[in-house]
C-alpha atoms as a PDB file:
ATOM      1  CA  MET A   1      85.131 152.749  26.843  1.00  0.00           C
ATOM      2  CA  ASP A   2      88.316 153.987  25.195  1.00  0.00           C
ATOM      3  CA  LEU A   3      91.675 152.951  26.530  1.00  0.00           C
ATOM      4  CA  PRO A   4      94.546 155.399  26.387  1.00  0.00           C
ATOM      5  CA  THR A   5      96.749 154.850  23.383  1.00  0.00           C
ATOM      6  CA  LYS A   6      99.952 154.403  25.333  1.00  0.00           C
ATOM      7  CA  ALA A   7     102.558 152.169  23.664  1.00  0.00           C
ATOM      8  CA  LEU A   8     102.333 148.696  25.175  1.00  0.00           C
ATOM      9  CA  ASP A   9     104.724 145.800  25.170  1.00  0.00           C
ATOM     10  CA  LEU A  10     102.006 143.260  24.383  1.00  0.00           C
ATOM     11  CA  GLU A  11     104.086 140.244  25.382  1.00  0.00           C
ATOM     12  CA  HIS A  12     104.799 141.509  28.897  1.00  0.00           C
ATOM     13  CA  GLU A  13     102.284 144.160  29.816  1.00  0.00           C
ATOM     14  CA  LEU A  14      98.566 144.665  29.814  1.00  0.00           C
ATOM     15  CA  PRO A  15      96.822 147.966  30.430  1.00  0.00           C
ATOM     16  CA  SER A  16      96.491 148.512  34.156  1.00  0.00           C
ATOM     17  CA  MET A  17      93.166 148.663  35.904  1.00  0.00           C
ATOM     18  CA  GLU A  18      93.990 152.204  36.968  1.00  0.00           C
ATOM     19  CA  GLU A  19      94.276 153.359  33.345  1.00  0.00           C
ATOM     20  CA  SER A  20      90.949 151.827  32.449  1.00  0.00           C
ATOM     21  CA  ASP A  21      89.432 153.257  35.646  1.00  0.00           C
ATOM     22  CA  ASN A  22      90.590 156.776  34.684  1.00  0.00           C
ATOM     23  CA  SER A  23      88.593 156.576  31.487  1.00  0.00           C
ATOM     24  CA  GLN A  24      85.383 155.990  33.454  1.00  0.00           C
ATOM     25  CA  THR A  25      83.479 158.551  35.423  1.00  0.00           C
ATOM     26  CA  SER A  26      84.899 159.605  38.742  1.00  0.00           C
ATOM     27  CA  ASN A  27      81.601 158.819  40.476  1.00  0.00           C
ATOM     28  CA  ARG A  28      82.745 155.862  42.581  1.00  0.00           C
ATOM     29  CA  THR A  29      81.251 154.205  45.562  1.00  0.00           C
ATOM     30  CA  SER A  30      83.455 153.539  48.577  1.00  0.00           C
ATOM     31  CA  GLY A  31      83.596 149.766  47.692  1.00  0.00           C
ATOM     32  CA  GLU A  32      85.002 150.494  44.238  1.00  0.00           C
ATOM     33  CA  GLY A  33      87.634 152.752  45.783  1.00  0.00           C
ATOM     34  CA  ARG A  34      88.722 150.039  48.205  1.00  0.00           C
ATOM     35  CA  ALA A  35      88.912 147.510  45.371  1.00  0.00           C
ATOM     36  CA  ARG A  36      91.095 149.903  43.375  1.00  0.00           C
ATOM     37  CA  ASN A  37      93.371 150.458  46.377  1.00  0.00           C
ATOM     38  CA  PHE A  38      93.676 146.690  46.840  1.00  0.00           C
ATOM     39  CA  ARG A  39      94.555 146.216  43.160  1.00  0.00           C
ATOM     40  CA  GLU A  40      97.167 148.955  43.342  1.00  0.00           C
ATOM     41  CA  HIS A  41      98.631 147.507  46.538  1.00  0.00           C
ATOM     42  CA  SER A  42      98.751 143.951  45.125  1.00  0.00           C
ATOM     43  CA  ARG A  43     100.230 145.247  41.867  1.00  0.00           C
ATOM     44  CA  ASN A  44     102.963 146.927  43.881  1.00  0.00           C
ATOM     45  CA  ASP A  45     103.601 143.646  45.778  1.00  0.00           C
ATOM     46  CA  ASP A  46     103.822 141.698  42.518  1.00  0.00           C
ATOM     47  CA  ASN A  47     106.558 143.988  41.244  1.00  0.00           C
ATOM     48  CA  ASP A  48     108.705 143.943  44.395  1.00  0.00           C
ATOM     49  CA  PRO A  49     111.221 141.051  44.178  1.00  0.00           C
ATOM     50  CA  ALA A  50     111.776 140.987  47.953  1.00  0.00           C
ATOM     51  CA  LYS A  51     108.063 140.594  48.635  1.00  0.00           C
ATOM     52  CA  LEU A  52     107.775 137.947  45.930  1.00  0.00           C
ATOM     53  CA  ARG A  53     110.676 135.992  47.479  1.00  0.00           C
ATOM     54  CA  GLU A  54     109.046 136.273  50.911  1.00  0.00           C
ATOM     55  CA  ARG A  55     105.740 135.056  49.526  1.00  0.00           C
ATOM     56  CA  LEU A  56     107.483 132.179  47.728  1.00  0.00           C
ATOM     57  CA  ALA A  57     109.329 131.222  50.925  1.00  0.00           C
ATOM     58  CA  ARG A  58     106.034 131.148  52.858  1.00  0.00           C
ATOM     59  CA  LEU A  59     104.383 128.988  50.210  1.00  0.00           C
ATOM     60  CA  GLN A  60     107.353 126.611  50.215  1.00  0.00           C
ATOM     61  CA  ALA A  61     107.252 126.415  54.017  1.00  0.00           C
ATOM     62  CA  ASP A  62     103.502 125.723  53.945  1.00  0.00           C
ATOM     63  CA  PHE A  63     104.008 122.997  51.372  1.00  0.00           C
ATOM     64  CA  GLU A  64     106.873 121.444  53.368  1.00  0.00           C
ATOM     65  CA  ASN A  65     104.784 121.506  56.564  1.00  0.00           C
ATOM     66  CA  ALA A  66     101.866 119.832  54.776  1.00  0.00           C
ATOM     67  CA  ARG A  67     104.203 117.184  53.361  1.00  0.00           C
ATOM     68  CA  LYS A  68     105.722 116.471  56.796  1.00  0.00           C
ATOM     69  CA  ARG A  69     102.263 116.296  58.388  1.00  0.00           C
ATOM     70  CA  SER A  70     101.132 113.830  55.704  1.00  0.00           C
ATOM     71  CA  LEU A  71     104.221 111.639  56.208  1.00  0.00           C
ATOM     72  CA  LYS A  72     103.674 111.653  59.987  1.00  0.00           C
ATOM     73  CA  GLU A  73     100.019 110.629  59.549  1.00  0.00           C
ATOM     74  CA  GLN A  74     101.032 107.815  57.180  1.00  0.00           C
ATOM     75  CA  GLN A  75     103.661 106.575  59.650  1.00  0.00           C
ATOM     76  CA  GLU A  76     101.161 106.616  62.526  1.00  0.00           C
ATOM     77  CA  TYR A  77      98.642 104.737  60.384  1.00  0.00           C
ATOM     78  CA  ARG A  78     101.233 102.057  59.566  1.00  0.00           C
ATOM     79  CA  GLU A  79     102.270 101.730  63.208  1.00  0.00           C
ATOM     80  CA  TYR A  80      98.718 101.360  64.505  1.00  0.00           C
ATOM     81  CA  ALA A  81      97.072  99.598  61.540  1.00  0.00           C
ATOM     82  CA  VAL A  82      96.955  96.273  63.389  1.00  0.00           C
ATOM     83  CA  PHE A  83      95.660  97.805  66.626  1.00  0.00           C
ATOM     84  CA  GLY A  84      92.104  96.529  66.122  1.00  0.00           C
ATOM     85  CA  THR A  85      93.299  93.071  65.104  1.00  0.00           C
ATOM     86  CA  ALA A  86      95.575  92.809  68.139  1.00  0.00           C
ATOM     87  CA  LYS A  87      92.654  93.818  70.363  1.00  0.00           C
ATOM     88  CA  ASP A  88      90.460  91.129  68.738  1.00  0.00           C
ATOM     89  CA  LEU A  89      93.160  88.482  69.308  1.00  0.00           C
ATOM     90  CA  LEU A  90      93.447  89.127  73.048  1.00  0.00           C
ATOM     91  CA  PRO A  91      90.326  87.089  73.977  1.00  0.00           C
ATOM     92  CA  VAL A  92      91.706  84.203  71.898  1.00  0.00           C
ATOM     93  CA  LEU A  93      94.949  84.391  73.867  1.00  0.00           C
ATOM     94  CA  ASP A  94      93.005  84.497  77.144  1.00  0.00           C
ATOM     95  CA  ASN A  95      91.055  81.377  76.193  1.00  0.00           C
ATOM     96  CA  LEU A  96      94.221  79.566  75.139  1.00  0.00           C
ATOM     97  CA  GLU A  97      95.808  80.364  78.513  1.00  0.00           C
ATOM     98  CA  ARG A  98      92.705  79.010  80.274  1.00  0.00           C
ATOM     99  CA  ALA A  99      92.913  75.831  78.196  1.00  0.00           C
ATOM    100  CA  LEU A 100      96.549  75.381  79.181  1.00  0.00           C
ATOM    101  CA  GLU A 101      95.588  75.682  82.869  1.00  0.00           C
ATOM    102  CA  THR A 102      93.332  72.600  82.717  1.00  0.00           C
ATOM    103  CA  SER A 103      94.625  69.366  84.173  1.00  0.00           C
ATOM    104  CA  PRO A 104      95.864  66.662  81.797  1.00  0.00           C
ATOM    105  CA  SER A 105      93.164  64.284  83.053  1.00  0.00           C
ATOM    106  CA  ASP A 106      90.452  66.442  81.432  1.00  0.00           C
ATOM    107  CA  GLY A 107      91.406  65.342  77.903  1.00  0.00           C
ATOM    108  CA  ALA A 108      87.906  65.650  76.380  1.00  0.00           C
ATOM    109  CA  ASP A 109      87.352  69.095  77.913  1.00  0.00           C
ATOM    110  CA  LEU A 110      90.777  70.234  76.714  1.00  0.00           C
ATOM    111  CA  ARG A 111      90.014  69.137  73.146  1.00  0.00           C
ATOM    112  CA  THR A 112      86.647  70.915  73.200  1.00  0.00           C
ATOM    113  CA  GLY A 113      88.284  74.073  74.537  1.00  0.00           C
ATOM    114  CA  VAL A 114      91.016  74.047  71.892  1.00  0.00           C
ATOM    115  CA  GLU A 115      88.412  73.516  69.148  1.00  0.00           C
ATOM    116  CA  LEU A 116      86.484  76.553  70.413  1.00  0.00           C
ATOM    117  CA  ILE A 117      89.683  78.625  70.485  1.00  0.00           C
ATOM    118  CA  HIS A 118      90.479  77.499  66.937  1.00  0.00           C
ATOM    119  CA  LYS A 119      87.036  78.597  65.761  1.00  0.00           C
ATOM    120  CA  GLN A 120      87.395  81.920  67.606  1.00  0.00           C
ATOM    121  CA  LEU A 121      90.781  82.558  65.959  1.00  0.00           C
ATOM    122  CA  LEU A 122      89.396  81.736  62.502  1.00  0.00           C
ATOM    123  CA  ASP A 123      86.534  84.183  63.134  1.00  0.00           C
ATOM    124  CA  VAL A 124      89.009  86.982  63.977  1.00  0.00           C
ATOM    125  CA  LEU A 125      91.058  86.224  60.861  1.00  0.00           C
ATOM    126  CA  PHE A 126      87.926  86.115  58.705  1.00  0.00           C
ATOM    127  CA  LYS A 127      86.857  89.495  60.133  1.00  0.00           C
ATOM    128  CA  ILE A 128      90.087  91.150  58.938  1.00  0.00           C
ATOM    129  CA  GLY A 129      89.950  89.514  55.490  1.00  0.00           C
ATOM    130  CA  VAL A 130      92.031  86.342  55.914  1.00  0.00           C
ATOM    131  CA  HIS A 131      90.465  83.305  54.236  1.00  0.00           C
ATOM    132  CA  PRO A 132      91.705  79.727  53.867  1.00  0.00           C
ATOM    133  CA  VAL A 133      92.713  78.423  50.447  1.00  0.00           C
ATOM    134  CA  HIS A 134      90.650  75.318  49.729  1.00  0.00           C
ATOM    135  CA  ALA A 135      92.877  72.684  48.235  1.00  0.00           C
ATOM    136  CA  ILE A 136      91.609  69.091  48.560  1.00  0.00           C
ATOM    137  CA  GLY A 137      89.760  67.985  45.445  1.00  0.00           C
ATOM    138  CA  GLU A 138      90.864  71.066  43.486  1.00  0.00           C
ATOM    139  CA  ARG A 139      93.100  71.036  40.433  1.00  0.00           C
ATOM    140  CA  PHE A 140      96.721  71.771  41.381  1.00  0.00           C
ATOM    141  CA  ASP A 141      97.496  75.471  40.887  1.00  0.00           C
ATOM    142  CA  PRO A 142     101.151  76.421  41.485  1.00  0.00           C
ATOM    143  CA  ARG A 143     100.092  80.027  42.232  1.00  0.00           C
ATOM    144  CA  ILE A 144      98.241  78.968  45.405  1.00  0.00           C
ATOM    145  CA  HIS A 145      99.489  75.417  46.098  1.00  0.00           C
ATOM    146  CA  HIS A 146     102.947  74.188  47.013  1.00  0.00           C
ATOM    147  CA  ALA A 147     103.323  70.524  46.041  1.00  0.00           C
ATOM    148  CA  VAL A 148     105.488  68.604  48.507  1.00  0.00           C
ATOM    149  CA  ALA A 149     104.621  65.088  47.351  1.00  0.00           C
ATOM    150  CA  THR A 150     102.904  63.168  44.576  1.00  0.00           C
ATOM    151  CA  VAL A 151     100.803  60.032  44.784  1.00  0.00           C
ATOM    152  CA  ASP A 152     100.323  57.582  41.907  1.00  0.00           C
ATOM    153  CA  THR A 153      96.615  56.777  41.632  1.00  0.00           C
ATOM    154  CA  ASP A 154      93.806  55.993  39.190  1.00  0.00           C
ATOM    155  CA  LEU A 155      91.064  57.096  41.601  1.00  0.00           C
ATOM    156  CA  VAL A 156      91.190  60.825  40.670  1.00  0.00           C
ATOM    157  CA  GLU A 157      92.251  62.869  37.688  1.00  0.00           C
ATOM    158  CA  ASP A 158      95.884  63.735  37.109  1.00  0.00           C
ATOM    159  CA  GLN A 159      97.089  66.913  38.912  1.00  0.00           C
ATOM    160  CA  THR A 160      94.301  66.831  41.520  1.00  0.00           C
ATOM    161  CA  VAL A 161      95.126  67.774  45.114  1.00  0.00           C
ATOM    162  CA  VAL A 162      94.525  64.684  47.271  1.00  0.00           C
ATOM    163  CA  GLY A 163      96.087  65.769  50.562  1.00  0.00           C
ATOM    164  CA  GLU A 164      96.810  68.908  52.508  1.00  0.00           C
ATOM    165  CA  LEU A 165      99.751  69.051  54.905  1.00  0.00           C
ATOM    166  CA  GLN A 166      99.340  72.732  55.750  1.00  0.00           C
ATOM    167  CA  CYS A 167      96.433  75.052  54.980  1.00  0.00           C
ATOM    168  CA  GLY A 168      97.088  78.060  52.774  1.00  0.00           C
ATOM    169  CA  TYR A 169      95.609  81.511  53.388  1.00  0.00           C
ATOM    170  CA  LYS A 170      94.743  84.602  51.377  1.00  0.00           C
ATOM    171  CA  PHE A 171      94.466  88.142  52.673  1.00  0.00           C
ATOM    172  CA  LYS A 172      91.655  89.648  50.608  1.00  0.00           C
ATOM    173  CA  ASP A 173      92.957  88.963  47.083  1.00  0.00           C
ATOM    174  CA  ARG A 174      96.649  88.350  47.937  1.00  0.00           C
ATOM    175  CA  LEU A 175      98.198  85.045  48.876  1.00  0.00           C
ATOM    176  CA  LEU A 176      99.577  85.040  52.433  1.00  0.00           C
ATOM    177  CA  ARG A 177     100.804  81.457  52.356  1.00  0.00           C
ATOM    178  CA  PRO A 178     100.401  78.700  49.770  1.00  0.00           C
ATOM    179  CA  ALA A 179      98.806  75.437  50.823  1.00  0.00           C
ATOM    180  CA  MET A 180     101.321  72.583  51.174  1.00  0.00           C
ATOM    181  CA  VAL A 181      99.683  69.735  49.272  1.00  0.00           C
ATOM    182  CA  THR A 182     100.017  66.220  47.921  1.00  0.00           C
ATOM    183  CA  VAL A 183      99.113  65.933  44.242  1.00  0.00           C
ATOM    184  CA  ALA A 184      97.750  62.942  42.347  1.00  0.00           C
ATOM    185  CA  ARG A 185      99.727  61.639  39.405  1.00  0.00           C
ATOM    186  CA  LYS A 186      98.152  59.391  36.814  1.00  0.00           C
ATOM    187  CA  MET A 187      99.554  55.892  37.018  1.00  0.00           C
ATOM    188  CA  THR A 188     101.315  54.806  33.872  1.00  0.00           C
ATOM    189  CA  PRO A 189     100.364  51.311  32.630  1.00  0.00           C
ATOM    190  CA  GLU A 190     103.173  48.841  33.101  1.00  0.00           C
ATOM    191  CA  ARG A 191     104.426  46.945  30.047  1.00  0.00           C
END
């Protein structure tokens, strides 16, 4: 197939499909003719600055709409992310209200009810990924423990947690709240 030897600006122009089509036989099927018409039509659109600007404006609008839709979906996700957790906490709240309705004379029943509510609440927290930080008997770690007091003792190793004033919790791998602890300090021998 020989291409016409028309002078080309090789940096900006390639031989058109029409020129290469002219060098072939004129025996075309109807599909090839439609393809050629499409190429000619699209080539004409690519050279018209007004049509290019219109096409660019449509693409920009499509992109902006997609961006806005994505931001809206993210906002809705953030707003309703705790929906399931709130729903799981409602039975705990119901049981706590029932426990508060008991008479003060039923002290043993009240304690049992509160213990069950406590277990139910821990189960809900565990289900969403909240776990307690175990502190007593562990070596003091300032990343997960908050020391509020020290105790001089020879019964355990230095810097061992011997008391817990408030439990700490992690959410998956992040610390929600450090455990407030009492830490053992090795007694120094008196002179």
